[in-house]
N, C-alpha and C. Protein backbone atom coordinates (compact mmCIF):
# COMPACT_ATOMS: atom_id res chain seq x y z
N ILE A 1 43.38 52.74 67.24
CA ILE A 1 43.98 51.93 68.38
C ILE A 1 44.52 50.59 67.59
N PRO A 2 45.79 50.40 67.99
CA PRO A 2 46.35 49.01 67.07
C PRO A 2 45.68 47.87 67.64
N ARG A 3 45.35 47.04 67.01
CA ARG A 3 44.68 45.74 67.56
C ARG A 3 45.75 44.76 67.73
N LEU A 4 45.77 44.12 68.90
CA LEU A 4 46.81 42.84 69.32
C LEU A 4 45.87 41.73 68.92
N ASP A 5 46.70 40.90 68.25
CA ASP A 5 45.86 39.37 68.09
C ASP A 5 46.09 38.27 69.14
N ALA A 6 45.35 38.87 70.33
CA ALA A 6 45.24 37.90 71.61
C ALA A 6 44.28 38.33 72.36
N GLN A 7 43.95 37.47 73.39
CA GLN A 7 42.88 37.55 74.33
C GLN A 7 43.50 37.82 75.59
N PHE A 8 43.11 38.67 76.56
CA PHE A 8 43.88 39.03 77.73
C PHE A 8 42.47 38.86 78.61
N THR A 9 43.03 38.34 79.86
CA THR A 9 42.25 38.18 80.88
C THR A 9 42.30 39.32 81.94
N GLY A 10 41.34 40.26 82.31
CA GLY A 10 41.34 41.19 83.00
C GLY A 10 41.64 42.75 82.51
N SER A 11 41.71 42.80 81.08
CA SER A 11 41.92 44.01 80.44
C SER A 11 40.72 45.05 80.71
N GLY A 12 39.33 44.42 80.68
CA GLY A 12 38.48 45.37 81.14
C GLY A 12 38.45 46.08 82.26
N ASP A 13 39.06 45.15 83.30
CA ASP A 13 39.05 45.72 84.69
C ASP A 13 40.23 46.76 84.66
N LEU A 14 41.05 46.42 83.98
CA LEU A 14 42.39 47.29 84.03
C LEU A 14 41.92 48.62 83.33
N PHE A 15 41.27 48.46 82.31
CA PHE A 15 41.08 49.82 81.59
C PHE A 15 40.00 50.71 82.27
N THR A 16 39.14 50.23 83.06
CA THR A 16 38.14 50.82 83.85
C THR A 16 38.86 51.50 85.00
N ALA A 17 39.73 50.96 85.57
CA ALA A 17 40.84 51.29 86.70
C ALA A 17 41.55 52.48 86.17
N LEU A 18 42.08 52.30 84.84
CA LEU A 18 42.84 53.34 84.52
C LEU A 18 42.22 54.52 84.16
N LEU A 19 41.04 54.44 83.39
CA LEU A 19 40.13 55.69 82.92
C LEU A 19 39.62 56.27 84.21
N LEU A 20 39.31 55.62 85.32
CA LEU A 20 38.73 56.09 86.35
C LEU A 20 39.98 56.97 87.03
N ALA A 21 41.05 56.52 87.12
CA ALA A 21 42.21 57.10 87.70
C ALA A 21 42.66 58.53 86.92
N TRP A 22 42.79 58.53 85.50
CA TRP A 22 43.12 59.61 84.79
C TRP A 22 42.02 60.58 84.82
N LEU A 23 40.68 59.97 84.97
CA LEU A 23 39.68 61.04 85.09
C LEU A 23 39.82 61.69 86.45
N HIS A 24 40.07 61.20 87.50
CA HIS A 24 40.09 61.75 88.52
C HIS A 24 41.38 62.91 88.74
N LYS A 25 42.58 62.49 88.06
CA LYS A 25 43.71 63.16 87.80
C LYS A 25 43.65 64.40 87.00
N HIS A 26 42.95 64.18 85.73
CA HIS A 26 42.56 65.12 84.88
C HIS A 26 41.06 65.64 84.61
N VAL A 27 40.55 66.28 85.72
CA VAL A 27 39.09 66.21 85.80
C VAL A 27 38.49 67.07 84.75
N ASP A 28 39.17 67.78 84.05
CA ASP A 28 38.82 68.89 83.33
C ASP A 28 39.40 68.68 81.86
N ASN A 29 39.79 67.52 81.61
CA ASN A 29 40.53 67.04 80.29
C ASN A 29 40.34 65.72 80.10
N PHE A 30 39.02 65.52 79.52
CA PHE A 30 38.58 63.97 79.20
C PHE A 30 39.41 63.66 78.16
N LYS A 31 39.82 64.14 77.17
CA LYS A 31 40.78 63.86 76.08
C LYS A 31 41.92 63.21 76.52
N LEU A 32 42.69 64.09 77.52
CA LEU A 32 43.84 63.38 78.05
C LEU A 32 43.78 62.44 78.69
N ALA A 33 42.66 62.14 79.61
CA ALA A 33 42.45 61.10 80.61
C ALA A 33 42.29 59.79 79.84
N CYS A 34 41.67 59.93 78.51
CA CYS A 34 41.32 58.80 77.55
C CYS A 34 42.52 58.45 76.93
N GLU A 35 43.40 59.35 76.32
CA GLU A 35 44.71 59.10 75.86
C GLU A 35 45.49 58.36 76.59
N LYS A 36 45.70 58.73 78.01
CA LYS A 36 46.41 58.11 78.75
C LYS A 36 45.90 56.80 79.01
N ALA A 37 44.70 56.54 79.15
CA ALA A 37 44.31 55.15 79.70
C ALA A 37 44.39 54.28 78.73
N VAL A 38 44.08 54.60 77.23
CA VAL A 38 44.43 53.82 76.21
C VAL A 38 45.96 53.52 76.08
N SER A 39 46.85 54.46 76.09
CA SER A 39 48.47 54.43 75.75
C SER A 39 48.70 53.30 76.91
N THR A 40 48.44 53.51 78.00
CA THR A 40 48.87 52.58 78.98
C THR A 40 48.36 51.28 78.80
N MET A 41 47.05 50.93 78.65
CA MET A 41 46.61 49.63 77.87
C MET A 41 47.44 49.07 76.98
N GLN A 42 47.94 49.86 75.91
CA GLN A 42 48.66 49.43 74.96
C GLN A 42 50.15 48.84 75.17
N HIS A 43 50.72 49.62 76.40
CA HIS A 43 51.96 49.28 76.75
C HIS A 43 51.87 48.00 77.77
N VAL A 44 50.89 47.93 78.46
CA VAL A 44 50.62 46.78 79.37
C VAL A 44 50.52 45.38 78.58
N LEU A 45 49.50 45.54 77.40
CA LEU A 45 49.19 44.68 76.59
C LEU A 45 50.21 43.95 75.95
N ARG A 46 51.09 45.04 75.19
CA ARG A 46 52.04 44.25 74.33
C ARG A 46 53.15 43.81 75.36
N ARG A 47 53.48 44.49 76.42
CA ARG A 47 54.42 43.73 77.44
C ARG A 47 53.87 42.41 77.89
N THR A 48 52.54 42.15 77.91
CA THR A 48 52.20 40.81 78.28
C THR A 48 52.25 39.93 77.03
N LEU A 49 52.07 40.57 75.81
CA LEU A 49 52.03 39.62 74.78
C LEU A 49 53.53 39.07 74.32
N GLU A 50 54.42 39.96 74.51
CA GLU A 50 55.81 39.46 74.47
C GLU A 50 56.23 38.46 75.49
N HIS A 51 55.80 38.63 76.80
CA HIS A 51 56.21 37.71 77.63
C HIS A 51 55.31 36.50 77.38
N SER A 52 54.49 36.42 76.92
CA SER A 52 53.90 35.21 76.86
C SER A 52 54.63 34.35 75.61
N LYS A 53 55.11 35.25 74.68
CA LYS A 53 55.95 34.28 73.64
C LYS A 53 57.01 33.49 74.40
N HIS A 54 57.78 34.09 75.66
CA HIS A 54 58.99 33.43 76.21
C HIS A 54 58.39 32.17 77.04
N VAL A 55 57.32 32.56 77.70
CA VAL A 55 56.65 31.38 78.58
C VAL A 55 56.09 30.05 77.78
N GLN A 56 55.64 30.45 76.65
CA GLN A 56 55.18 29.42 75.84
C GLN A 56 56.12 28.35 75.53
N LEU A 57 57.69 28.72 75.70
CA LEU A 57 58.62 27.56 75.37
C LEU A 57 58.45 26.82 76.57
N ASN A 58 58.00 27.02 77.68
CA ASN A 58 57.82 26.27 79.01
C ASN A 58 56.58 25.39 78.88
N PRO A 59 56.43 24.01 78.56
CA PRO A 59 55.21 23.36 78.27
C PRO A 59 54.69 22.90 79.71
N ASN A 60 55.19 23.38 80.86
CA ASN A 60 54.66 23.07 82.14
C ASN A 60 54.02 24.32 82.82
N THR A 61 53.87 25.57 82.01
CA THR A 61 53.16 26.65 82.22
C THR A 61 51.76 26.72 82.05
N PRO A 62 50.95 26.91 83.05
CA PRO A 62 49.50 26.75 82.65
C PRO A 62 49.05 27.76 81.73
N PRO A 63 47.98 27.51 80.95
CA PRO A 63 47.63 28.55 79.84
C PRO A 63 47.30 29.91 80.45
N ALA A 64 46.64 30.04 81.62
CA ALA A 64 46.34 31.31 82.20
C ALA A 64 47.50 32.13 82.59
N ALA A 65 48.68 31.51 82.87
CA ALA A 65 49.76 32.16 83.19
C ALA A 65 50.63 32.88 82.10
N LYS A 66 50.35 32.18 80.92
CA LYS A 66 50.94 32.71 79.71
C LYS A 66 50.50 34.39 79.31
N MET A 67 49.17 34.48 79.77
CA MET A 67 48.57 35.80 79.16
C MET A 67 48.12 36.44 80.58
N GLU A 68 48.80 36.20 81.58
CA GLU A 68 48.49 37.11 82.86
C GLU A 68 49.26 38.58 82.57
N LEU A 69 48.39 39.51 82.98
CA LEU A 69 48.78 40.91 82.66
C LEU A 69 50.07 41.30 83.13
N ARG A 70 51.01 41.91 82.88
CA ARG A 70 52.32 42.17 83.30
C ARG A 70 52.10 43.68 84.09
N LEU A 71 51.23 43.80 85.21
CA LEU A 71 51.10 44.95 85.70
C LEU A 71 52.59 45.29 86.60
N ILE A 72 52.96 44.47 87.21
CA ILE A 72 54.08 44.95 88.04
C ILE A 72 55.39 45.58 87.12
N GLN A 73 55.57 44.72 86.08
CA GLN A 73 56.52 44.93 85.05
C GLN A 73 56.24 46.30 84.18
N SER A 74 55.01 46.91 84.34
CA SER A 74 54.67 47.83 83.60
C SER A 74 54.31 49.14 84.57
N ILE A 75 54.96 49.07 85.75
CA ILE A 75 54.43 50.14 86.71
C ILE A 75 54.90 51.75 86.06
N LYS A 76 55.97 51.87 85.67
CA LYS A 76 56.33 52.94 84.87
C LYS A 76 55.37 53.45 83.79
N ASP A 77 54.95 52.74 83.04
CA ASP A 77 54.00 52.97 82.03
C ASP A 77 52.53 53.27 82.64
N ILE A 78 52.29 52.68 83.72
CA ILE A 78 51.06 52.99 84.33
C ILE A 78 51.12 54.37 85.40
N GLN A 79 52.34 54.74 85.74
CA GLN A 79 52.48 55.87 86.49
C GLN A 79 52.59 57.16 85.56
N GLU A 80 53.33 56.79 84.40
CA GLU A 80 53.39 57.97 83.58
C GLU A 80 53.62 57.52 82.10
N PRO A 81 52.52 57.17 81.66
CA PRO A 81 52.42 56.61 80.02
C PRO A 81 53.06 57.42 79.02
N ASP A 82 53.78 57.06 78.22
CA ASP A 82 54.15 57.60 77.10
C ASP A 82 52.93 57.46 76.15
N VAL A 83 52.15 58.73 75.84
CA VAL A 83 51.02 58.88 75.16
C VAL A 83 51.45 58.91 73.58
N PHE A 84 50.86 57.79 73.19
CA PHE A 84 51.15 57.74 71.80
C PHE A 84 49.81 57.48 70.95
N ILE A 85 48.67 57.49 71.61
CA ILE A 85 47.40 57.32 70.89
C ILE A 85 46.77 58.64 71.31
N GLU A 86 46.46 59.32 70.19
CA GLU A 86 45.63 60.59 70.16
C GLU A 86 44.34 60.32 69.79
N ALA A 87 43.47 61.02 70.82
CA ALA A 87 41.94 61.10 70.54
C ALA A 87 41.47 61.97 69.77
N ARG A 88 40.50 61.88 69.00
CA ARG A 88 39.94 63.00 68.07
C ARG A 88 38.34 62.68 68.18
N SER A 89 37.59 64.02 68.02
CA SER A 89 36.30 63.95 67.75
C SER A 89 35.70 63.41 66.77
N LEU A 90 34.65 62.57 66.88
CA LEU A 90 34.00 61.97 65.66
C LEU A 90 33.02 62.69 65.16
N SER A 91 32.78 63.91 65.79
CA SER A 91 31.80 65.03 65.23
C SER A 91 32.34 65.97 64.35
């Protein structure tokens, strides 16, 4: 999984919700549920990081708002993620 050099608030909650939702939708396919959850996280976090670069130009923006997860802006990625992270067995 590509590492993004930033700290995000709420990313653990988002990951848990995504994994639970995709496991519910793909009951018999844990691999696909994981791939969709991780790919969605990457889309949301990248969008958030990109947005934070633009927000930093405004000195009146509070620090927390700079890294607020861009969930509404990522709705299409949340509903139908482009899976670009492939899970593989470690054994």
